[in-house]
Amino acid sequence: MELENFELKILLLAAIKSEIESKEVYETLASRVKNALFKDRLLFLANEEEKHRAFLESLYRQKFAGEEIKLPEKSPVPLPVVDTSEDRLLSEIIEDAMKAELAAKEFYEGMKKMFSDERTKNMLQLLADMERGHYEILLQELENLKRFEDYDDYWPMMHVGP
């Protein structure tokens, strides 16, 4: 992702906003599913996004000491937004979330080029790798959903062991 035309402050604020929105997406989805394992995975993803937000806020405070974190209403960086409307199929929302995870991966890989210290570069690469991992989790769940879109309605404890 080409980020050279953006100031670092804008990128960090956009990243923080994106992580907050991603957490909200996963929490919203978790509240809508009945399958225990799927719910746990969504809550795991929400928790991961919260950790990413905390790291990014720490990085922001380090780079812009004393400045308030004031998130933009709309991100100036073209990152995907996931529509969690009730009328959308869960599989459609998951597909959008997968696109957002890949975009986040590219975003962090692009953003790491703006730093000279190896520690920050490594942390941003770790975030990128984690976003790719989120994509893989969602891909597996999407395959389950596409096999049987409404399996939640029939077997809510399908993945729970004896």
N, C-alpha and C. Protein backbone atom coordinates (compact mmCIF):
# COMPACT_ATOMS: atom_id res chain seq x y z
N MET A 1 0.85 -1.17 0.00
CA MET A 1 0.00 0.00 0.00
C MET A 1 0.90 1.24 0.00
N GLU A 2 0.63 2.14 -0.90
CA GLU A 2 1.41 3.37 -1.03
C GLU A 2 0.94 4.39 0.01
N LEU A 3 1.80 4.70 0.97
CA LEU A 3 1.42 5.61 2.05
C LEU A 3 2.28 6.87 2.12
N GLU A 4 3.17 7.03 1.15
CA GLU A 4 4.12 8.14 1.18
C GLU A 4 3.44 9.51 1.18
N ASN A 5 2.23 9.59 0.65
CA ASN A 5 1.55 10.89 0.56
C ASN A 5 0.84 11.28 1.85
N PHE A 6 0.94 10.44 2.88
CA PHE A 6 0.28 10.71 4.15
C PHE A 6 1.31 11.03 5.23
N GLU A 7 0.94 11.92 6.14
CA GLU A 7 1.79 12.20 7.29
C GLU A 7 1.68 11.05 8.27
N LEU A 8 2.75 10.81 9.01
CA LEU A 8 2.76 9.72 9.97
C LEU A 8 1.62 9.86 10.99
N LYS A 9 1.38 11.05 11.45
CA LYS A 9 0.31 11.28 12.44
C LYS A 9 -1.04 10.82 11.88
N ILE A 10 -1.31 11.16 10.65
CA ILE A 10 -2.58 10.78 10.00
C ILE A 10 -2.67 9.25 9.88
N LEU A 11 -1.57 8.62 9.53
CA LEU A 11 -1.56 7.16 9.39
C LEU A 11 -1.81 6.48 10.73
N LEU A 12 -1.17 6.97 11.77
CA LEU A 12 -1.38 6.36 13.08
C LEU A 12 -2.81 6.54 13.56
N LEU A 13 -3.37 7.71 13.35
CA LEU A 13 -4.76 7.94 13.75
C LEU A 13 -5.72 7.06 12.94
N ALA A 14 -5.44 6.91 11.66
CA ALA A 14 -6.27 6.04 10.81
C ALA A 14 -6.16 4.59 11.27
N ALA A 15 -4.96 4.18 11.65
CA ALA A 15 -4.75 2.81 12.11
C ALA A 15 -5.49 2.55 13.42
N ILE A 16 -5.41 3.50 14.34
CA ILE A 16 -6.13 3.37 15.62
C ILE A 16 -7.63 3.27 15.36
N LYS A 17 -8.13 4.15 14.51
CA LYS A 17 -9.56 4.13 14.18
C LYS A 17 -9.96 2.80 13.56
N SER A 18 -9.15 2.30 12.67
CA SER A 18 -9.43 1.04 12.00
C SER A 18 -9.47 -0.12 12.99
N GLU A 19 -8.56 -0.14 13.94
CA GLU A 19 -8.54 -1.22 14.94
C GLU A 19 -9.78 -1.15 15.83
N ILE A 20 -10.20 0.04 16.20
CA ILE A 20 -11.42 0.21 17.00
C ILE A 20 -12.62 -0.31 16.23
N GLU A 21 -12.72 0.07 14.96
CA GLU A 21 -13.85 -0.36 14.13
C GLU A 21 -13.83 -1.88 13.91
N SER A 22 -12.64 -2.45 13.75
CA SER A 22 -12.54 -3.90 13.56
C SER A 22 -13.00 -4.63 14.82
N LYS A 23 -12.59 -4.12 15.96
CA LYS A 23 -13.03 -4.72 17.22
C LYS A 23 -14.56 -4.69 17.31
N GLU A 24 -15.16 -3.58 16.95
CA GLU A 24 -16.62 -3.45 16.99
C GLU A 24 -17.29 -4.43 16.03
N VAL A 25 -16.71 -4.63 14.86
CA VAL A 25 -17.25 -5.59 13.89
C VAL A 25 -17.29 -6.98 14.51
N TYR A 26 -16.17 -7.40 15.09
CA TYR A 26 -16.11 -8.76 15.64
C TYR A 26 -17.02 -8.93 16.85
N GLU A 27 -17.13 -7.90 17.66
CA GLU A 27 -18.04 -7.99 18.81
C GLU A 27 -19.50 -8.05 18.34
N THR A 28 -19.83 -7.27 17.32
CA THR A 28 -21.18 -7.29 16.76
C THR A 28 -21.50 -8.66 16.21
N LEU A 29 -20.58 -9.23 15.44
CA LEU A 29 -20.80 -10.56 14.88
C LEU A 29 -20.92 -11.61 15.98
N ALA A 30 -20.08 -11.51 16.99
CA ALA A 30 -20.13 -12.48 18.10
C ALA A 30 -21.48 -12.45 18.80
N SER A 31 -22.07 -11.28 18.88
CA SER A 31 -23.38 -11.17 19.55
C SER A 31 -24.50 -11.77 18.69
N ARG A 32 -24.24 -11.98 17.41
CA ARG A 32 -25.26 -12.49 16.49
C ARG A 32 -25.17 -13.99 16.24
N VAL A 33 -24.04 -14.61 16.55
CA VAL A 33 -23.91 -16.04 16.26
C VAL A 33 -24.21 -16.87 17.50
N LYS A 34 -24.68 -18.09 17.25
CA LYS A 34 -25.02 -19.00 18.35
C LYS A 34 -23.95 -20.08 18.52
N ASN A 35 -23.23 -20.37 17.47
CA ASN A 35 -22.20 -21.41 17.51
C ASN A 35 -21.10 -20.99 18.49
N ALA A 36 -20.88 -21.81 19.51
CA ALA A 36 -19.95 -21.45 20.58
C ALA A 36 -18.52 -21.25 20.10
N LEU A 37 -18.03 -22.13 19.25
CA LEU A 37 -16.65 -22.01 18.77
C LEU A 37 -16.47 -20.77 17.90
N PHE A 38 -17.42 -20.54 17.01
CA PHE A 38 -17.35 -19.37 16.14
C PHE A 38 -17.39 -18.09 16.98
N LYS A 39 -18.27 -18.06 17.97
CA LYS A 39 -18.36 -16.90 18.86
C LYS A 39 -17.02 -16.66 19.55
N ASP A 40 -16.40 -17.74 20.05
CA ASP A 40 -15.10 -17.61 20.72
C ASP A 40 -14.04 -17.06 19.77
N ARG A 41 -14.06 -17.52 18.54
CA ARG A 41 -13.07 -17.03 17.56
C ARG A 41 -13.28 -15.54 17.27
N LEU A 42 -14.53 -15.14 17.15
CA LEU A 42 -14.82 -13.72 16.90
C LEU A 42 -14.39 -12.86 18.09
N LEU A 43 -14.64 -13.35 19.29
CA LEU A 43 -14.21 -12.60 20.48
C LEU A 43 -12.69 -12.58 20.60
N PHE A 44 -12.04 -13.65 20.18
CA PHE A 44 -10.58 -13.67 20.13
C PHE A 44 -10.08 -12.58 19.18
N LEU A 45 -10.69 -12.49 18.00
CA LEU A 45 -10.29 -11.46 17.03
C LEU A 45 -10.53 -10.07 17.58
N ALA A 46 -11.65 -9.87 18.26
CA ALA A 46 -11.94 -8.56 18.86
C ALA A 46 -10.86 -8.20 19.88
N ASN A 47 -10.45 -9.17 20.68
CA ASN A 47 -9.40 -8.94 21.68
C ASN A 47 -8.06 -8.62 21.01
N GLU A 48 -7.76 -9.29 19.92
CA GLU A 48 -6.54 -9.01 19.17
C GLU A 48 -6.53 -7.56 18.66
N GLU A 49 -7.67 -7.13 18.12
CA GLU A 49 -7.76 -5.77 17.59
C GLU A 49 -7.58 -4.74 18.71
N GLU A 50 -8.08 -5.07 19.89
CA GLU A 50 -7.89 -4.18 21.05
C GLU A 50 -6.41 -4.05 21.40
N LYS A 51 -5.69 -5.15 21.35
CA LYS A 51 -4.25 -5.11 21.62
C LYS A 51 -3.52 -4.29 20.57
N HIS A 52 -3.94 -4.41 19.32
CA HIS A 52 -3.33 -3.62 18.24
C HIS A 52 -3.56 -2.13 18.50
N ARG A 53 -4.79 -1.79 18.90
CA ARG A 53 -5.11 -0.39 19.21
C ARG A 53 -4.21 0.13 20.31
N ALA A 54 -4.04 -0.64 21.37
CA ALA A 54 -3.20 -0.21 22.49
C ALA A 54 -1.77 0.03 22.04
N PHE A 55 -1.22 -0.86 21.22
CA PHE A 55 0.14 -0.66 20.71
C PHE A 55 0.23 0.61 19.87
N LEU A 56 -0.74 0.81 18.98
CA LEU A 56 -0.71 1.98 18.10
C LEU A 56 -0.85 3.28 18.88
N GLU A 57 -1.69 3.26 19.92
CA GLU A 57 -1.80 4.46 20.76
C GLU A 57 -0.49 4.73 21.48
N SER A 58 0.18 3.69 21.94
CA SER A 58 1.48 3.84 22.58
C SER A 58 2.50 4.42 21.60
N LEU A 59 2.49 3.93 20.39
CA LEU A 59 3.40 4.43 19.36
C LEU A 59 3.10 5.89 19.05
N TYR A 60 1.82 6.24 18.98
CA TYR A 60 1.42 7.62 18.72
C TYR A 60 1.95 8.53 19.84
N ARG A 61 1.76 8.12 21.08
CA ARG A 61 2.22 8.94 22.22
C ARG A 61 3.74 9.08 22.23
N GLN A 62 4.42 8.05 21.77
CA GLN A 62 5.87 8.09 21.69
C GLN A 62 6.33 9.10 20.63
N LYS A 63 5.67 9.09 19.49
CA LYS A 63 6.07 9.96 18.38
C LYS A 63 5.53 11.38 18.52
N PHE A 64 4.39 11.52 19.17
CA PHE A 64 3.75 12.84 19.27
C PHE A 64 3.41 13.13 20.74
N ALA A 65 4.44 13.14 21.55
CA ALA A 65 4.29 13.30 22.99
C ALA A 65 3.48 14.56 23.33
N GLY A 66 2.54 14.39 24.22
CA GLY A 66 1.74 15.52 24.68
C GLY A 66 0.56 15.86 23.80
N GLU A 67 0.48 15.26 22.62
CA GLU A 67 -0.64 15.55 21.72
C GLU A 67 -1.78 14.59 21.96
N GLU A 68 -2.99 15.12 21.98
CA GLU A 68 -4.18 14.31 22.19
C GLU A 68 -4.43 13.41 20.98
N ILE A 69 -4.91 12.22 21.27
CA ILE A 69 -5.30 11.32 20.18
C ILE A 69 -6.72 11.70 19.79
N LYS A 70 -6.84 12.36 18.66
CA LYS A 70 -8.14 12.81 18.17
C LYS A 70 -8.40 12.10 16.85
N LEU A 71 -9.27 11.11 16.90
CA LEU A 71 -9.53 10.30 15.72
C LEU A 71 -10.39 11.03 14.71
N PRO A 72 -10.09 10.86 13.43
CA PRO A 72 -10.93 11.49 12.40
C PRO A 72 -12.29 10.80 12.34
N GLU A 73 -13.30 11.55 11.95
CA GLU A 73 -14.62 10.95 11.79
C GLU A 73 -14.60 9.90 10.69
N LYS A 74 -13.91 10.23 9.61
CA LYS A 74 -13.75 9.31 8.48
C LYS A 74 -12.26 9.23 8.17
N SER A 75 -11.79 8.01 7.97
CA SER A 75 -10.37 7.82 7.72
C SER A 75 -9.97 8.41 6.37
N PRO A 76 -8.90 9.21 6.33
CA PRO A 76 -8.40 9.73 5.06
C PRO A 76 -7.66 8.66 4.25
N VAL A 77 -7.31 7.57 4.90
CA VAL A 77 -6.62 6.47 4.24
C VAL A 77 -7.69 5.50 3.72
N PRO A 78 -7.60 5.11 2.46
CA PRO A 78 -8.63 4.24 1.87
C PRO A 78 -8.56 2.80 2.39
N LEU A 79 -9.14 2.59 3.57
CA LEU A 79 -9.22 1.26 4.16
C LEU A 79 -10.66 0.77 4.07
N PRO A 80 -10.87 -0.51 3.84
CA PRO A 80 -12.24 -1.03 3.73
C PRO A 80 -13.04 -0.86 5.02
N VAL A 81 -14.32 -0.62 4.86
CA VAL A 81 -15.25 -0.54 5.98
C VAL A 81 -16.17 -1.76 5.87
N VAL A 82 -16.43 -2.40 6.99
CA VAL A 82 -17.25 -3.61 6.99
C VAL A 82 -18.66 -3.26 7.46
N ASP A 83 -19.63 -3.51 6.60
CA ASP A 83 -21.03 -3.25 6.90
C ASP A 83 -21.62 -4.47 7.60
N THR A 84 -22.02 -4.29 8.86
CA THR A 84 -22.57 -5.41 9.64
C THR A 84 -24.09 -5.34 9.75
N SER A 85 -24.75 -4.74 8.78
CA SER A 85 -26.20 -4.62 8.81
C SER A 85 -26.86 -5.98 9.02
N GLU A 86 -27.95 -5.97 9.76
CA GLU A 86 -28.69 -7.19 10.08
C GLU A 86 -29.19 -7.94 8.83
N ASP A 87 -29.43 -7.20 7.74
CA ASP A 87 -29.98 -7.83 6.54
C ASP A 87 -28.93 -8.53 5.67
N ARG A 88 -27.66 -8.42 6.04
CA ARG A 88 -26.60 -9.06 5.27
C ARG A 88 -26.34 -10.46 5.79
N LEU A 89 -26.02 -11.36 4.87
CA LEU A 89 -25.64 -12.71 5.27
C LEU A 89 -24.32 -12.65 6.03
N LEU A 90 -24.19 -13.52 6.98
CA LEU A 90 -22.96 -13.60 7.76
C LEU A 90 -21.76 -13.85 6.85
N SER A 91 -21.94 -14.69 5.83
CA SER A 91 -20.84 -14.97 4.91
C SER A 91 -20.39 -13.71 4.16
N GLU A 92 -21.31 -12.83 3.82
CA GLU A 92 -20.95 -11.58 3.14
C GLU A 92 -20.13 -10.68 4.07
N ILE A 93 -20.53 -10.63 5.31
CA ILE A 93 -19.81 -9.79 6.28
C ILE A 93 -18.41 -10.35 6.50
N ILE A 94 -18.31 -11.67 6.62
CA ILE A 94 -17.01 -12.30 6.82
C ILE A 94 -16.11 -12.04 5.61
N GLU A 95 -16.65 -12.12 4.40
CA GLU A 95 -15.86 -11.83 3.20
C GLU A 95 -15.33 -10.40 3.23
N ASP A 96 -16.16 -9.46 3.65
CA ASP A 96 -15.72 -8.07 3.76
C ASP A 96 -14.65 -7.92 4.84
N ALA A 97 -14.83 -8.63 5.96
CA ALA A 97 -13.84 -8.57 7.04
C ALA A 97 -12.50 -9.15 6.57
N MET A 98 -12.57 -10.19 5.74
CA MET A 98 -11.34 -10.77 5.20
C MET A 98 -10.59 -9.75 4.33
N LYS A 99 -11.34 -9.03 3.51
CA LYS A 99 -10.72 -7.98 2.68
C LYS A 99 -10.09 -6.91 3.57
N ALA A 100 -10.77 -6.57 4.64
CA ALA A 100 -10.25 -5.55 5.56
C ALA A 100 -8.98 -6.05 6.25
N GLU A 101 -8.93 -7.32 6.60
CA GLU A 101 -7.73 -7.87 7.24
C GLU A 101 -6.54 -7.85 6.29
N LEU A 102 -6.77 -8.20 5.02
CA LEU A 102 -5.67 -8.14 4.05
C LEU A 102 -5.22 -6.70 3.80
N ALA A 103 -6.17 -5.78 3.77
CA ALA A 103 -5.82 -4.36 3.61
C ALA A 103 -5.01 -3.87 4.80
N ALA A 104 -5.39 -4.31 6.00
CA ALA A 104 -4.65 -3.92 7.21
C ALA A 104 -3.22 -4.48 7.15
N LYS A 105 -3.09 -5.70 6.67
CA LYS A 105 -1.76 -6.30 6.53
C LYS A 105 -0.89 -5.44 5.61
N GLU A 106 -1.43 -5.08 4.46
CA GLU A 106 -0.69 -4.24 3.51
C GLU A 106 -0.41 -2.85 4.10
N PHE A 107 -1.36 -2.33 4.84
CA PHE A 107 -1.22 -1.02 5.47
C PHE A 107 -0.03 -1.02 6.44
N TYR A 108 0.05 -2.03 7.32
CA TYR A 108 1.15 -2.08 8.29
C TYR A 108 2.48 -2.34 7.62
N GLU A 109 2.48 -3.13 6.56
CA GLU A 109 3.72 -3.35 5.84
C GLU A 109 4.19 -2.06 5.16
N GLY A 110 3.25 -1.27 4.66
CA GLY A 110 3.60 0.02 4.07
C GLY A 110 4.03 1.02 5.12
N MET A 111 3.38 0.99 6.27
CA MET A 111 3.67 1.95 7.33
C MET A 111 5.04 1.72 7.95
N LYS A 112 5.48 0.48 8.00
CA LYS A 112 6.77 0.21 8.63
C LYS A 112 7.92 0.89 7.87
N LYS A 113 7.71 1.18 6.60
CA LYS A 113 8.74 1.86 5.81
C LYS A 113 8.99 3.29 6.27
N MET A 114 8.06 3.82 7.08
CA MET A 114 8.17 5.20 7.54
C MET A 114 9.00 5.32 8.82
N PHE A 115 9.47 4.19 9.32
CA PHE A 115 10.24 4.18 10.56
C PHE A 115 11.65 3.71 10.29
N SER A 116 12.59 4.22 11.08
CA SER A 116 13.98 3.82 10.91
C SER A 116 14.41 2.82 11.97
N ASP A 117 13.76 2.83 13.13
CA ASP A 117 14.19 1.92 14.19
C ASP A 117 13.63 0.51 13.97
N GLU A 118 14.48 -0.46 14.17
CA GLU A 118 14.12 -1.86 13.90
C GLU A 118 13.02 -2.37 14.80
N ARG A 119 12.98 -1.91 16.04
CA ARG A 119 11.95 -2.38 16.97
C ARG A 119 10.55 -2.05 16.45
N THR A 120 10.35 -0.81 16.03
CA THR A 120 9.04 -0.40 15.53
C THR A 120 8.72 -1.11 14.22
N LYS A 121 9.71 -1.22 13.34
CA LYS A 121 9.50 -1.95 12.09
C LYS A 121 9.07 -3.39 12.36
N ASN A 122 9.75 -4.03 13.31
CA ASN A 122 9.41 -5.40 13.65
C ASN A 122 8.02 -5.51 14.25
N MET A 123 7.64 -4.55 15.08
CA MET A 123 6.29 -4.57 15.67
C MET A 123 5.23 -4.39 14.59
N LEU A 124 5.47 -3.50 13.65
CA LEU A 124 4.51 -3.29 12.57
C LEU A 124 4.43 -4.52 11.66
N GLN A 125 5.55 -5.19 11.45
CA GLN A 125 5.52 -6.43 10.68
C GLN A 125 4.75 -7.50 11.44
N LEU A 126 4.91 -7.53 12.76
CA LEU A 126 4.16 -8.47 13.57
C LEU A 126 2.66 -8.20 13.45
N LEU A 127 2.27 -6.92 13.48
CA LEU A 127 0.86 -6.59 13.28
C LEU A 127 0.38 -7.07 11.91
N ALA A 128 1.19 -6.84 10.89
CA ALA A 128 0.83 -7.28 9.54
C ALA A 128 0.65 -8.80 9.51
N ASP A 129 1.55 -9.52 10.14
CA ASP A 129 1.46 -10.98 10.18
C ASP A 129 0.22 -11.43 10.94
N MET A 130 -0.11 -10.74 12.01
CA MET A 130 -1.29 -11.09 12.79
C MET A 130 -2.56 -10.85 11.98
N GLU A 131 -2.58 -9.76 11.22
CA GLU A 131 -3.74 -9.48 10.37
C GLU A 131 -3.91 -10.59 9.33
N ARG A 132 -2.80 -11.08 8.80
CA ARG A 132 -2.86 -12.22 7.86
C ARG A 132 -3.42 -13.46 8.56
N GLY A 133 -3.03 -13.65 9.81
CA GLY A 133 -3.56 -14.76 10.59
C GLY A 133 -5.06 -14.62 10.82
N HIS A 134 -5.52 -13.39 11.04
CA HIS A 134 -6.95 -13.14 11.19
C HIS A 134 -7.69 -13.52 9.91
N TYR A 135 -7.10 -13.17 8.79
CA TYR A 135 -7.67 -13.53 7.49
C TYR A 135 -7.84 -15.05 7.40
N GLU A 136 -6.83 -15.79 7.81
CA GLU A 136 -6.88 -17.26 7.73
C GLU A 136 -7.97 -17.83 8.64
N ILE A 137 -8.13 -17.28 9.82
CA ILE A 137 -9.21 -17.71 10.72
C ILE A 137 -10.55 -17.47 10.07
N LEU A 138 -10.72 -16.29 9.50
CA LEU A 138 -11.99 -15.96 8.85
C LEU A 138 -12.24 -16.83 7.63
N LEU A 139 -11.19 -17.14 6.89
CA LEU A 139 -11.33 -18.02 5.72
C LEU A 139 -11.87 -19.38 6.14
N GLN A 140 -11.34 -19.92 7.20
CA GLN A 140 -11.82 -21.23 7.67
C GLN A 140 -13.28 -21.15 8.09
N GLU A 141 -13.65 -20.09 8.79
CA GLU A 141 -15.04 -19.94 9.22
C GLU A 141 -15.96 -19.70 8.02
N LEU A 142 -15.47 -18.97 7.03
CA LEU A 142 -16.27 -18.73 5.82
C LEU A 142 -16.57 -20.04 5.10
N GLU A 143 -15.58 -20.91 5.01
CA GLU A 143 -15.80 -22.21 4.38
C GLU A 143 -16.89 -22.98 5.12
N ASN A 144 -16.89 -22.93 6.44
CA ASN A 144 -17.94 -23.58 7.21
C ASN A 144 -19.30 -22.95 6.92
N LEU A 145 -19.34 -21.64 6.88
CA LEU A 145 -20.60 -20.94 6.63
C LEU A 145 -21.16 -21.25 5.24
N LYS A 146 -20.30 -21.30 4.27
CA LYS A 146 -20.77 -21.54 2.91
C LYS A 146 -21.28 -22.96 2.73
N ARG A 147 -20.76 -23.90 3.52
CA ARG A 147 -21.27 -25.26 3.46
C ARG A 147 -22.71 -25.31 3.97
N PHE A 148 -22.95 -24.50 4.97
CA PHE A 148 -24.29 -24.53 5.56
C PHE A 148 -24.53 -23.19 6.24
N GLU A 149 -25.00 -22.22 5.48
CA GLU A 149 -25.13 -20.83 5.94
C GLU A 149 -25.81 -20.69 7.29
N ASP A 150 -26.81 -21.48 7.53
CA ASP A 150 -27.53 -21.30 8.78
C ASP A 150 -27.33 -22.45 9.76
N TYR A 151 -26.12 -23.04 9.78
CA TYR A 151 -25.88 -24.14 10.71
C TYR A 151 -26.10 -23.71 12.14
N ASP A 152 -25.91 -22.44 12.43
CA ASP A 152 -26.14 -21.91 13.77
C ASP A 152 -27.57 -22.19 14.24
N ASP A 153 -28.51 -22.08 13.33
CA ASP A 153 -29.92 -22.24 13.70
C ASP A 153 -30.26 -23.67 14.09
N TYR A 154 -29.52 -24.63 13.57
CA TYR A 154 -29.85 -26.02 13.80
C TYR A 154 -28.97 -26.69 14.85
N TRP A 155 -27.68 -26.37 14.86
CA TRP A 155 -26.76 -27.02 15.78
C TRP A 155 -25.85 -25.98 16.45
N PRO A 156 -26.37 -25.19 17.38
CA PRO A 156 -25.56 -24.13 18.00
C PRO A 156 -24.34 -24.64 18.76
N MET A 157 -24.33 -25.87 19.21
CA MET A 157 -23.20 -26.40 19.95
C MET A 157 -22.44 -27.43 19.11
N MET A 158 -22.49 -27.27 17.80
CA MET A 158 -21.92 -28.23 16.86
C MET A 158 -20.47 -28.59 17.17
N HIS A 159 -19.64 -27.61 17.56
CA HIS A 159 -18.22 -27.85 17.75
C HIS A 159 -17.83 -28.13 19.19
N VAL A 160 -18.78 -28.23 20.05
CA VAL A 160 -18.45 -28.48 21.45
C VAL A 160 -18.25 -29.97 21.64
N GLY A 161 -17.18 -30.33 22.30
CA GLY A 161 -16.85 -31.74 22.50
C GLY A 161 -17.71 -32.40 23.57
N PRO A 162 -17.46 -33.68 23.81
CA PRO A 162 -18.24 -34.44 24.78
C PRO A 162 -18.01 -33.95 26.20
